[in-house]
Amino acid sequence: MIDVGGRAAVARVLCPSIGQREAAIIETELAALGERTGWRFALDLTEVKMIASLGLGMLISIAMFGLNGELSSLIRITKLDRLLPVAKDEKSALSKVS
């Protein structure tokens, strides 16, 4: 996590895939971060190559960026891009949540 001027934060997911186990861990950590930042943070998924369906559920209220081609396609094909705040880069994601 990186605090950006006290207004918003960036959380970086460093594991290559988010399955049931990882989703639970990430969701717990994001809940703690949300409480500290007033739920103003963006999620960097640059290192993530695969998200299982359970992992998608935790993304509903988080601005995210760094999606690779496969993840971007998955979000678009499932029409989740209409629900999920997806940004092209960190600055754009932070502006969505600040």
PDB file of N, CA and C in Angstrom:
ATOM      1  N   MET A   1       0.830  -1.171   0.000  1.00  0.00           N
ATOM      2  CA  MET A   1       0.000   0.000   0.000  1.00  0.00           C
ATOM      3  C   MET A   1       0.877   1.237   0.000  1.00  0.00           C
ATOM      4  N   ILE A   2       0.479   2.226  -0.770  1.00  0.00           N
ATOM      5  CA  ILE A   2       1.159   3.511  -0.807  1.00  0.00           C
ATOM      6  C   ILE A   2       0.137   4.586  -0.508  1.00  0.00           C
ATOM      7  N   ASP A   3       0.419   5.418   0.489  1.00  0.00           N
ATOM      8  CA  ASP A   3      -0.473   6.528   0.792  1.00  0.00           C
ATOM      9  C   ASP A   3      -0.127   7.673  -0.140  1.00  0.00           C
ATOM     10  N   VAL A   4      -1.118   8.268  -0.755  1.00  0.00           N
ATOM     11  CA  VAL A   4      -0.893   9.354  -1.701  1.00  0.00           C
ATOM     12  C   VAL A   4      -1.491  10.632  -1.130  1.00  0.00           C
ATOM     13  N   GLY A   5      -0.666  11.438  -0.496  1.00  0.00           N
ATOM     14  CA  GLY A   5      -1.108  12.728   0.010  1.00  0.00           C
ATOM     15  C   GLY A   5      -2.230  12.668   1.031  1.00  0.00           C
ATOM     16  N   GLY A   6      -2.423  11.538   1.698  1.00  0.00           N
ATOM     17  CA  GLY A   6      -3.473  11.423   2.677  1.00  0.00           C
ATOM     18  C   GLY A   6      -4.882  11.375   2.106  1.00  0.00           C
ATOM     19  N   ARG A   7      -5.041  11.563   0.809  1.00  0.00           N
ATOM     20  CA  ARG A   7      -6.376  11.579   0.199  1.00  0.00           C
ATOM     21  C   ARG A   7      -6.815  10.207  -0.276  1.00  0.00           C
ATOM     22  N   ALA A   8      -5.903   9.435  -0.797  1.00  0.00           N
ATOM     23  CA  ALA A   8      -6.227   8.103  -1.302  1.00  0.00           C
ATOM     24  C   ALA A   8      -4.973   7.250  -1.242  1.00  0.00           C
ATOM     25  N   ALA A   9      -5.146   5.967  -1.430  1.00  0.00           N
ATOM     26  CA  ALA A   9      -4.033   5.030  -1.352  1.00  0.00           C
ATOM     27  C   ALA A   9      -4.072   4.092  -2.545  1.00  0.00           C
ATOM     28  N   VAL A  10      -2.963   3.431  -2.775  1.00  0.00           N
ATOM     29  CA  VAL A  10      -2.880   2.399  -3.801  1.00  0.00           C
ATOM     30  C   VAL A  10      -2.532   1.086  -3.106  1.00  0.00           C
ATOM     31  N   ALA A  11      -3.315   0.054  -3.391  1.00  0.00           N
ATOM     32  CA  ALA A  11      -3.026  -1.288  -2.896  1.00  0.00           C
ATOM     33  C   ALA A  11      -2.555  -2.102  -4.088  1.00  0.00           C
ATOM     34  N   ARG A  12      -1.411  -2.766  -3.934  1.00  0.00           N
ATOM     35  CA  ARG A  12      -0.863  -3.575  -5.027  1.00  0.00           C
ATOM     36  C   ARG A  12      -1.003  -5.060  -4.703  1.00  0.00           C
ATOM     37  N   VAL A  13      -1.593  -5.798  -5.619  1.00  0.00           N
ATOM     38  CA  VAL A  13      -1.704  -7.245  -5.485  1.00  0.00           C
ATOM     39  C   VAL A  13      -0.492  -7.840  -6.176  1.00  0.00           C
ATOM     40  N   LEU A  14       0.299  -8.601  -5.431  1.00  0.00           N
ATOM     41  CA  LEU A  14       1.556  -9.116  -5.967  1.00  0.00           C
ATOM     42  C   LEU A  14       1.497 -10.581  -6.375  1.00  0.00           C
ATOM     43  N   CYS A  15       0.410 -11.276  -6.075  1.00  0.00           N
ATOM     44  CA  CYS A  15       0.320 -12.685  -6.475  1.00  0.00           C
ATOM     45  C   CYS A  15      -0.166 -12.763  -7.925  1.00  0.00           C
ATOM     46  N   PRO A  16       0.283 -13.780  -8.668  1.00  0.00           N
ATOM     47  CA  PRO A  16      -0.069 -13.876 -10.087  1.00  0.00           C
ATOM     48  C   PRO A  16      -1.502 -14.318 -10.353  1.00  0.00           C
ATOM     49  N   SER A  17      -2.161 -14.926  -9.362  1.00  0.00           N
ATOM     50  CA  SER A  17      -3.549 -15.323  -9.570  1.00  0.00           C
ATOM     51  C   SER A  17      -4.339 -15.106  -8.280  1.00  0.00           C
ATOM     52  N   ILE A  18      -5.613 -14.792  -8.458  1.00  0.00           N
ATOM     53  CA  ILE A  18      -6.498 -14.586  -7.316  1.00  0.00           C
ATOM     54  C   ILE A  18      -7.575 -15.659  -7.368  1.00  0.00           C
ATOM     55  N   GLY A  19      -7.418 -16.647  -6.512  1.00  0.00           N
ATOM     56  CA  GLY A  19      -8.397 -17.719  -6.377  1.00  0.00           C
ATOM     57  C   GLY A  19      -9.139 -17.555  -5.067  1.00  0.00           C
ATOM     58  N   GLN A  20      -9.789 -18.612  -4.607  1.00  0.00           N
ATOM     59  CA  GLN A  20     -10.581 -18.553  -3.380  1.00  0.00           C
ATOM     60  C   GLN A  20      -9.726 -18.160  -2.180  1.00  0.00           C
ATOM     61  N   ARG A  21      -8.591 -18.784  -2.019  1.00  0.00           N
ATOM     62  CA  ARG A  21      -7.713 -18.504  -0.881  1.00  0.00           C
ATOM     63  C   ARG A  21      -7.205 -17.065  -0.910  1.00  0.00           C
ATOM     64  N   GLU A  22      -6.686 -16.649  -2.053  1.00  0.00           N
ATOM     65  CA  GLU A  22      -6.121 -15.302  -2.185  1.00  0.00           C
ATOM     66  C   GLU A  22      -7.202 -14.227  -2.048  1.00  0.00           C
ATOM     67  N   ALA A  23      -8.378 -14.488  -2.608  1.00  0.00           N
ATOM     68  CA  ALA A  23      -9.468 -13.508  -2.539  1.00  0.00           C
ATOM     69  C   ALA A  23      -9.836 -13.212  -1.092  1.00  0.00           C
ATOM     70  N   ALA A  24      -9.892 -14.239  -0.268  1.00  0.00           N
ATOM     71  CA  ALA A  24     -10.233 -14.044   1.144  1.00  0.00           C
ATOM     72  C   ALA A  24      -9.172 -13.203   1.855  1.00  0.00           C
ATOM     73  N   ILE A  25      -7.916 -13.483   1.592  1.00  0.00           N
ATOM     74  CA  ILE A  25      -6.820 -12.729   2.216  1.00  0.00           C
ATOM     75  C   ILE A  25      -6.838 -11.277   1.749  1.00  0.00           C
ATOM     76  N   ILE A  26      -6.963 -11.087   0.444  1.00  0.00           N
ATOM     77  CA  ILE A  26      -6.963  -9.739  -0.123  1.00  0.00           C
ATOM     78  C   ILE A  26      -8.160  -8.948   0.390  1.00  0.00           C
ATOM     79  N   GLU A  27      -9.315  -9.600   0.448  1.00  0.00           N
ATOM     80  CA  GLU A  27     -10.523  -8.911   0.906  1.00  0.00           C
ATOM     81  C   GLU A  27     -10.362  -8.441   2.352  1.00  0.00           C
ATOM     82  N   THR A  28      -9.757  -9.251   3.208  1.00  0.00           N
ATOM     83  CA  THR A  28      -9.511  -8.871   4.599  1.00  0.00           C
ATOM     84  C   THR A  28      -8.575  -7.669   4.672  1.00  0.00           C
ATOM     85  N   GLU A  29      -7.501  -7.721   3.884  1.00  0.00           N
ATOM     86  CA  GLU A  29      -6.543  -6.618   3.892  1.00  0.00           C
ATOM     87  C   GLU A  29      -7.145  -5.336   3.315  1.00  0.00           C
ATOM     88  N   LEU A  30      -7.965  -5.467   2.275  1.00  0.00           N
ATOM     89  CA  LEU A  30      -8.603  -4.292   1.688  1.00  0.00           C
ATOM     90  C   LEU A  30      -9.629  -3.679   2.633  1.00  0.00           C
ATOM     91  N   ALA A  31     -10.315  -4.524   3.417  1.00  0.00           N
ATOM     92  CA  ALA A  31     -11.270  -3.996   4.394  1.00  0.00           C
ATOM     93  C   ALA A  31     -10.541  -3.143   5.433  1.00  0.00           C
ATOM     94  N   ALA A  32      -9.389  -3.604   5.887  1.00  0.00           N
ATOM     95  CA  ALA A  32      -8.604  -2.826   6.853  1.00  0.00           C
ATOM     96  C   ALA A  32      -8.118  -1.525   6.220  1.00  0.00           C
ATOM     97  N   LEU A  33      -7.654  -1.600   4.981  1.00  0.00           N
ATOM     98  CA  LEU A  33      -7.203  -0.408   4.265  1.00  0.00           C
ATOM     99  C   LEU A  33      -8.368   0.555   4.061  1.00  0.00           C
ATOM    100  N   GLY A  34      -9.523   0.034   3.715  1.00  0.00           N
ATOM    101  CA  GLY A  34     -10.703   0.868   3.500  1.00  0.00           C
ATOM    102  C   GLY A  34     -11.081   1.655   4.739  1.00  0.00           C
ATOM    103  N   GLU A  35     -11.002   1.009   5.878  1.00  0.00           N
ATOM    104  CA  GLU A  35     -11.314   1.702   7.125  1.00  0.00           C
ATOM    105  C   GLU A  35     -10.335   2.843   7.382  1.00  0.00           C
ATOM    106  N   ARG A  36      -9.064   2.632   7.057  1.00  0.00           N
ATOM    107  CA  ARG A  36      -8.041   3.668   7.291  1.00  0.00           C
ATOM    108  C   ARG A  36      -8.122   4.809   6.289  1.00  0.00           C
ATOM    109  N   THR A  37      -8.620   4.551   5.086  1.00  0.00           N
ATOM    110  CA  THR A  37      -8.608   5.576   4.035  1.00  0.00           C
ATOM    111  C   THR A  37     -10.002   6.093   3.691  1.00  0.00           C
ATOM    112  N   GLY A  38     -11.002   5.688   4.424  1.00  0.00           N
ATOM    113  CA  GLY A  38     -12.362   6.084   4.073  1.00  0.00           C
ATOM    114  C   GLY A  38     -12.810   5.485   2.750  1.00  0.00           C
ATOM    115  N   TRP A  39     -12.290   4.314   2.427  1.00  0.00           N
ATOM    116  CA  TRP A  39     -12.590   3.584   1.193  1.00  0.00           C
ATOM    117  C   TRP A  39     -12.173   4.346  -0.051  1.00  0.00           C
ATOM    118  N   ARG A  40     -11.126   5.141   0.082  1.00  0.00           N
ATOM    119  CA  ARG A  40     -10.577   5.855  -1.083  1.00  0.00           C
ATOM    120  C   ARG A  40      -9.230   5.224  -1.426  1.00  0.00           C
ATOM    121  N   PHE A  41      -9.280   4.209  -2.248  1.00  0.00           N
ATOM    122  CA  PHE A  41      -8.048   3.590  -2.723  1.00  0.00           C
ATOM    123  C   PHE A  41      -8.273   2.938  -4.073  1.00  0.00           C
ATOM    124  N   ALA A  42      -7.175   2.764  -4.769  1.00  0.00           N
ATOM    125  CA  ALA A  42      -7.185   2.100  -6.071  1.00  0.00           C
ATOM    126  C   ALA A  42      -6.420   0.788  -5.940  1.00  0.00           C
ATOM    127  N   LEU A  43      -6.743  -0.161  -6.767  1.00  0.00           N
ATOM    128  CA  LEU A  43      -6.134  -1.482  -6.715  1.00  0.00           C
ATOM    129  C   LEU A  43      -5.297  -1.714  -7.965  1.00  0.00           C
ATOM    130  N   ASP A  44      -4.001  -1.938  -7.759  1.00  0.00           N
ATOM    131  CA  ASP A  44      -3.070  -2.191  -8.861  1.00  0.00           C
ATOM    132  C   ASP A  44      -3.006  -3.691  -9.122  1.00  0.00           C
ATOM    133  N   LEU A  45      -3.457  -4.104 -10.288  1.00  0.00           N
ATOM    134  CA  LEU A  45      -3.475  -5.522 -10.653  1.00  0.00           C
ATOM    135  C   LEU A  45      -2.431  -5.863 -11.715  1.00  0.00           C
ATOM    136  N   THR A  46      -1.389  -5.055 -11.799  1.00  0.00           N
ATOM    137  CA  THR A  46      -0.358  -5.258 -12.817  1.00  0.00           C
ATOM    138  C   THR A  46       0.251  -6.654 -12.779  1.00  0.00           C
ATOM    139  N   GLU A  47       0.479  -7.201 -11.589  1.00  0.00           N
ATOM    140  CA  GLU A  47       1.121  -8.518 -11.453  1.00  0.00           C
ATOM    141  C   GLU A  47       0.155  -9.686 -11.607  1.00  0.00           C
ATOM    142  N   VAL A  48      -1.143  -9.428 -11.610  1.00  0.00           N
ATOM    143  CA  VAL A  48      -2.151 -10.486 -11.640  1.00  0.00           C
ATOM    144  C   VAL A  48      -2.404 -10.933 -13.075  1.00  0.00           C
ATOM    145  N   LYS A  49      -2.325 -12.224 -13.288  1.00  0.00           N
ATOM    146  CA  LYS A  49      -2.558 -12.801 -14.614  1.00  0.00           C
ATOM    147  C   LYS A  49      -3.913 -13.488 -14.722  1.00  0.00           C
ATOM    148  N   MET A  50      -4.490 -13.902 -13.564  1.00  0.00           N
ATOM    149  CA  MET A  50      -5.751 -14.637 -13.583  1.00  0.00           C
ATOM    150  C   MET A  50      -6.545 -14.316 -12.328  1.00  0.00           C
ATOM    151  N   ILE A  51      -7.863 -14.128 -12.502  1.00  0.00           N
ATOM    152  CA  ILE A  51      -8.769 -13.932 -11.375  1.00  0.00           C
ATOM    153  C   ILE A  51      -9.898 -14.944 -11.501  1.00  0.00           C
ATOM    154  N   ALA A  52     -10.079 -15.758 -10.468  1.00  0.00           N
ATOM    155  CA  ALA A  52     -11.188 -16.711 -10.443  1.00  0.00           C
ATOM    156  C   ALA A  52     -12.470 -15.939 -10.130  1.00  0.00           C
ATOM    157  N   SER A  53     -13.612 -16.572 -10.353  1.00  0.00           N
ATOM    158  CA  SER A  53     -14.897 -15.890 -10.152  1.00  0.00           C
ATOM    159  C   SER A  53     -15.052 -15.353  -8.733  1.00  0.00           C
ATOM    160  N   LEU A  54     -14.532 -16.068  -7.747  1.00  0.00           N
ATOM    161  CA  LEU A  54     -14.619 -15.579  -6.369  1.00  0.00           C
ATOM    162  C   LEU A  54     -13.818 -14.296  -6.182  1.00  0.00           C
ATOM    163  N   GLY A  55     -12.756 -14.152  -6.929  1.00  0.00           N
ATOM    164  CA  GLY A  55     -11.950 -12.947  -6.841  1.00  0.00           C
ATOM    165  C   GLY A  55     -12.632 -11.744  -7.456  1.00  0.00           C
ATOM    166  N   LEU A  56     -13.481 -11.971  -8.458  1.00  0.00           N
ATOM    167  CA  LEU A  56     -14.178 -10.861  -9.105  1.00  0.00           C
ATOM    168  C   LEU A  56     -15.145 -10.161  -8.162  1.00  0.00           C
ATOM    169  N   GLY A  57     -15.747 -10.917  -7.266  1.00  0.00           N
ATOM    170  CA  GLY A  57     -16.718 -10.339  -6.347  1.00  0.00           C
ATOM    171  C   GLY A  57     -16.150  -9.258  -5.458  1.00  0.00           C
ATOM    172  N   MET A  58     -14.897  -9.379  -5.082  1.00  0.00           N
ATOM    173  CA  MET A  58     -14.305  -8.397  -4.174  1.00  0.00           C
ATOM    174  C   MET A  58     -13.968  -7.085  -4.876  1.00  0.00           C
ATOM    175  N   LEU A  59     -14.047  -7.050  -6.187  1.00  0.00           N
ATOM    176  CA  LEU A  59     -13.619  -5.873  -6.937  1.00  0.00           C
ATOM    177  C   LEU A  59     -14.725  -4.851  -7.180  1.00  0.00           C
ATOM    178  N   ILE A  60     -15.935  -5.131  -6.756  1.00  0.00           N
ATOM    179  CA  ILE A  60     -17.089  -4.314  -7.114  1.00  0.00           C
ATOM    180  C   ILE A  60     -16.931  -2.837  -6.777  1.00  0.00           C
ATOM    181  N   SER A  61     -16.381  -2.489  -5.638  1.00  0.00           N
ATOM    182  CA  SER A  61     -16.357  -1.081  -5.234  1.00  0.00           C
ATOM    183  C   SER A  61     -14.962  -0.474  -5.216  1.00  0.00           C
ATOM    184  N   ILE A  62     -14.041  -1.065  -5.939  1.00  0.00           N
ATOM    185  CA  ILE A  62     -12.656  -0.607  -5.909  1.00  0.00           C
ATOM    186  C   ILE A  62     -12.231  -0.163  -7.304  1.00  0.00           C
ATOM    187  N   ALA A  63     -11.632   1.015  -7.401  1.00  0.00           N
ATOM    188  CA  ALA A  63     -11.053   1.430  -8.684  1.00  0.00           C
ATOM    189  C   ALA A  63      -9.786   0.619  -8.894  1.00  0.00           C
ATOM    190  N   MET A  64      -9.607   0.084 -10.085  1.00  0.00           N
ATOM    191  CA  MET A  64      -8.427  -0.739 -10.345  1.00  0.00           C
ATOM    192  C   MET A  64      -7.763  -0.319 -11.650  1.00  0.00           C
ATOM    193  N   PHE A  65      -6.498  -0.681 -11.740  1.00  0.00           N
ATOM    194  CA  PHE A  65      -5.723  -0.375 -12.938  1.00  0.00           C
ATOM    195  C   PHE A  65      -4.654  -1.435 -13.103  1.00  0.00           C
ATOM    196  N   GLY A  66      -3.977  -1.407 -14.248  1.00  0.00           N
ATOM    197  CA  GLY A  66      -2.901  -2.358 -14.508  1.00  0.00           C
ATOM    198  C   GLY A  66      -3.383  -3.712 -14.990  1.00  0.00           C
ATOM    199  N   LEU A  67      -4.593  -3.780 -15.520  1.00  0.00           N
ATOM    200  CA  LEU A  67      -5.105  -5.059 -16.001  1.00  0.00           C
ATOM    201  C   LEU A  67      -4.394  -5.459 -17.286  1.00  0.00           C
ATOM    202  N   ASN A  68      -3.920  -6.707 -17.323  1.00  0.00           N
ATOM    203  CA  ASN A  68      -3.288  -7.182 -18.551  1.00  0.00           C
ATOM    204  C   ASN A  68      -4.370  -7.479 -19.585  1.00  0.00           C
ATOM    205  N   GLY A  69      -3.962  -7.863 -20.767  1.00  0.00           N
ATOM    206  CA  GLY A  69      -4.902  -8.114 -21.861  1.00  0.00           C
ATOM    207  C   GLY A  69      -5.981  -9.127 -21.526  1.00  0.00           C
ATOM    208  N   GLU A  70      -5.593 -10.248 -20.889  1.00  0.00           N
ATOM    209  CA  GLU A  70      -6.556 -11.294 -20.549  1.00  0.00           C
ATOM    210  C   GLU A  70      -7.567 -10.808 -19.524  1.00  0.00           C
ATOM    211  N   LEU A  71      -7.074 -10.140 -18.465  1.00  0.00           N
ATOM    212  CA  LEU A  71      -7.994  -9.648 -17.438  1.00  0.00           C
ATOM    213  C   LEU A  71      -8.902  -8.557 -17.978  1.00  0.00           C
ATOM    214  N   SER A  72      -8.351  -7.697 -18.793  1.00  0.00           N
ATOM    215  CA  SER A  72      -9.144  -6.643 -19.405  1.00  0.00           C
ATOM    216  C   SER A  72     -10.249  -7.249 -20.275  1.00  0.00           C
ATOM    217  N   SER A  73      -9.903  -8.270 -21.042  1.00  0.00           N
ATOM    218  CA  SER A  73     -10.900  -8.959 -21.877  1.00  0.00           C
ATOM    219  C   SER A  73     -11.962  -9.632 -21.025  1.00  0.00           C
ATOM    220  N   LEU A  74     -11.558 -10.279 -19.939  1.00  0.00           N
ATOM    221  CA  LEU A  74     -12.500 -10.946 -19.049  1.00  0.00           C
ATOM    222  C   LEU A  74     -13.496  -9.943 -18.474  1.00  0.00           C
ATOM    223  N   ILE A  75     -13.002  -8.799 -18.021  1.00  0.00           N
ATOM    224  CA  ILE A  75     -13.867  -7.764 -17.465  1.00  0.00           C
ATOM    225  C   ILE A  75     -14.832  -7.244 -18.539  1.00  0.00           C
ATOM    226  N   ARG A  76     -14.323  -7.054 -19.748  1.00  0.00           N
ATOM    227  CA  ARG A  76     -15.152  -6.539 -20.844  1.00  0.00           C
ATOM    228  C   ARG A  76     -16.179  -7.582 -21.305  1.00  0.00           C
ATOM    229  N   ILE A  77     -15.763  -8.831 -21.496  1.00  0.00           N
ATOM    230  CA  ILE A  77     -16.656  -9.896 -21.971  1.00  0.00           C
ATOM    231  C   ILE A  77     -17.804 -10.137 -20.996  1.00  0.00           C
ATOM    232  N   THR A  78     -17.495 -10.078 -19.711  1.00  0.00           N
ATOM    233  CA  THR A  78     -18.524 -10.300 -18.693  1.00  0.00           C
ATOM    234  C   THR A  78     -19.341  -9.035 -18.409  1.00  0.00           C
ATOM    235  N   LYS A  79     -19.006  -7.964 -19.124  1.00  0.00           N
ATOM    236  CA  LYS A  79     -19.674  -6.668 -18.995  1.00  0.00           C
ATOM    237  C   LYS A  79     -19.509  -6.055 -17.606  1.00  0.00           C
ATOM    238  N   LEU A  80     -18.512  -6.524 -16.886  1.00  0.00           N
ATOM    239  CA  LEU A  80     -18.229  -5.961 -15.565  1.00  0.00           C
ATOM    240  C   LEU A  80     -17.617  -4.568 -15.671  1.00  0.00           C
ATOM    241  N   ASP A  81     -17.137  -4.221 -16.854  1.00  0.00           N
ATOM    242  CA  ASP A  81     -16.580  -2.879 -17.027  1.00  0.00           C
ATOM    243  C   ASP A  81     -17.658  -1.813 -16.859  1.00  0.00           C
ATOM    244  N   ARG A  82     -18.919  -2.218 -16.947  1.00  0.00           N
ATOM    245  CA  ARG A  82     -20.030  -1.292 -16.714  1.00  0.00           C
ATOM    246  C   ARG A  82     -20.251  -1.051 -15.220  1.00  0.00           C
ATOM    247  N   LEU A  83     -19.787  -1.986 -14.396  1.00  0.00           N
ATOM    248  CA  LEU A  83     -19.976  -1.900 -12.948  1.00  0.00           C
ATOM    249  C   LEU A  83     -18.704  -1.537 -12.194  1.00  0.00           C
ATOM    250  N   LEU A  84     -17.570  -1.999 -12.712  1.00  0.00           N
ATOM    251  CA  LEU A  84     -16.305  -1.818 -12.010  1.00  0.00           C
ATOM    252  C   LEU A  84     -15.575  -0.584 -12.509  1.00  0.00           C
ATOM    253  N   PRO A  85     -15.085   0.239 -11.604  1.00  0.00           N
ATOM    254  CA  PRO A  85     -14.304   1.397 -12.029  1.00  0.00           C
ATOM    255  C   PRO A  85     -12.896   0.976 -12.453  1.00  0.00           C
ATOM    256  N   VAL A  86     -12.678   0.874 -13.755  1.00  0.00           N
ATOM    257  CA  VAL A  86     -11.388   0.475 -14.300  1.00  0.00           C
ATOM    258  C   VAL A  86     -10.712   1.710 -14.889  1.00  0.00           C
ATOM    259  N   ALA A  87      -9.457   1.907 -14.528  1.00  0.00           N
ATOM    260  CA  ALA A  87      -8.712   3.059 -15.019  1.00  0.00           C
ATOM    261  C   ALA A  87      -7.496   2.589 -15.792  1.00  0.00           C
ATOM    262  N   LYS A  88      -6.954   3.476 -16.627  1.00  0.00           N
ATOM    263  CA  LYS A  88      -5.802   3.099 -17.444  1.00  0.00           C
ATOM    264  C   LYS A  88      -4.498   3.136 -16.660  1.00  0.00           C
ATOM    265  N   ASP A  89      -4.415   3.972 -15.600  1.00  0.00           N
ATOM    266  CA  ASP A  89      -3.175   4.086 -14.834  1.00  0.00           C
ATOM    267  C   ASP A  89      -3.478   4.515 -13.397  1.00  0.00           C
ATOM    268  N   GLU A  90      -2.441   4.550 -12.584  1.00  0.00           N
ATOM    269  CA  GLU A  90      -2.588   4.862 -11.165  1.00  0.00           C
ATOM    270  C   GLU A  90      -3.215   6.238 -10.941  1.00  0.00           C
ATOM    271  N   LYS A  91      -2.749   7.232 -11.663  1.00  0.00           N
ATOM    272  CA  LYS A  91      -3.269   8.586 -11.483  1.00  0.00           C
ATOM    273  C   LYS A  91      -4.763   8.643 -11.770  1.00  0.00           C
ATOM    274  N   SER A  92      -5.200   8.018 -12.837  1.00  0.00           N
ATOM    275  CA  SER A  92      -6.622   8.001 -13.196  1.00  0.00           C
ATOM    276  C   SER A  92      -7.444   7.255 -12.146  1.00  0.00           C
ATOM    277  N   ALA A  93      -6.905   6.139 -11.654  1.00  0.00           N
ATOM    278  CA  ALA A  93      -7.617   5.352 -10.647  1.00  0.00           C
ATOM    279  C   ALA A  93      -7.776   6.144  -9.362  1.00  0.00           C
ATOM    280  N   LEU A  94      -6.723   6.832  -8.951  1.00  0.00           N
ATOM    281  CA  LEU A  94      -6.797   7.638  -7.732  1.00  0.00           C
ATOM    282  C   LEU A  94      -7.776   8.790  -7.879  1.00  0.00           C
ATOM    283  N   SER A  95      -7.863   9.363  -9.055  1.00  0.00           N
ATOM    284  CA  SER A  95      -8.820  10.461  -9.260  1.00  0.00           C
ATOM    285  C   SER A  95     -10.256   9.946  -9.177  1.00  0.00           C
ATOM    286  N   LYS A  96     -10.484   8.675  -9.538  1.00  0.00           N
ATOM    287  CA  LYS A  96     -11.823   8.104  -9.450  1.00  0.00           C
ATOM    288  C   LYS A  96     -12.260   7.905  -7.996  1.00  0.00           C
ATOM    289  N   VAL A  97     -11.297   7.672  -7.105  1.00  0.00           N
ATOM    290  CA  VAL A  97     -11.640   7.390  -5.714  1.00  0.00           C
ATOM    291  C   VAL A  97     -11.397   8.561  -4.775  1.00  0.00           C
ATOM    292  N   SER A  98     -10.754   9.599  -5.234  1.00  0.00           N
ATOM    293  CA  SER A  98     -10.468  10.753  -4.360  1.00  0.00           C
ATOM    294  C   SER A  98     -11.648  11.684  -4.292  1.00  0.00           C
TER     295      SER A  98
END
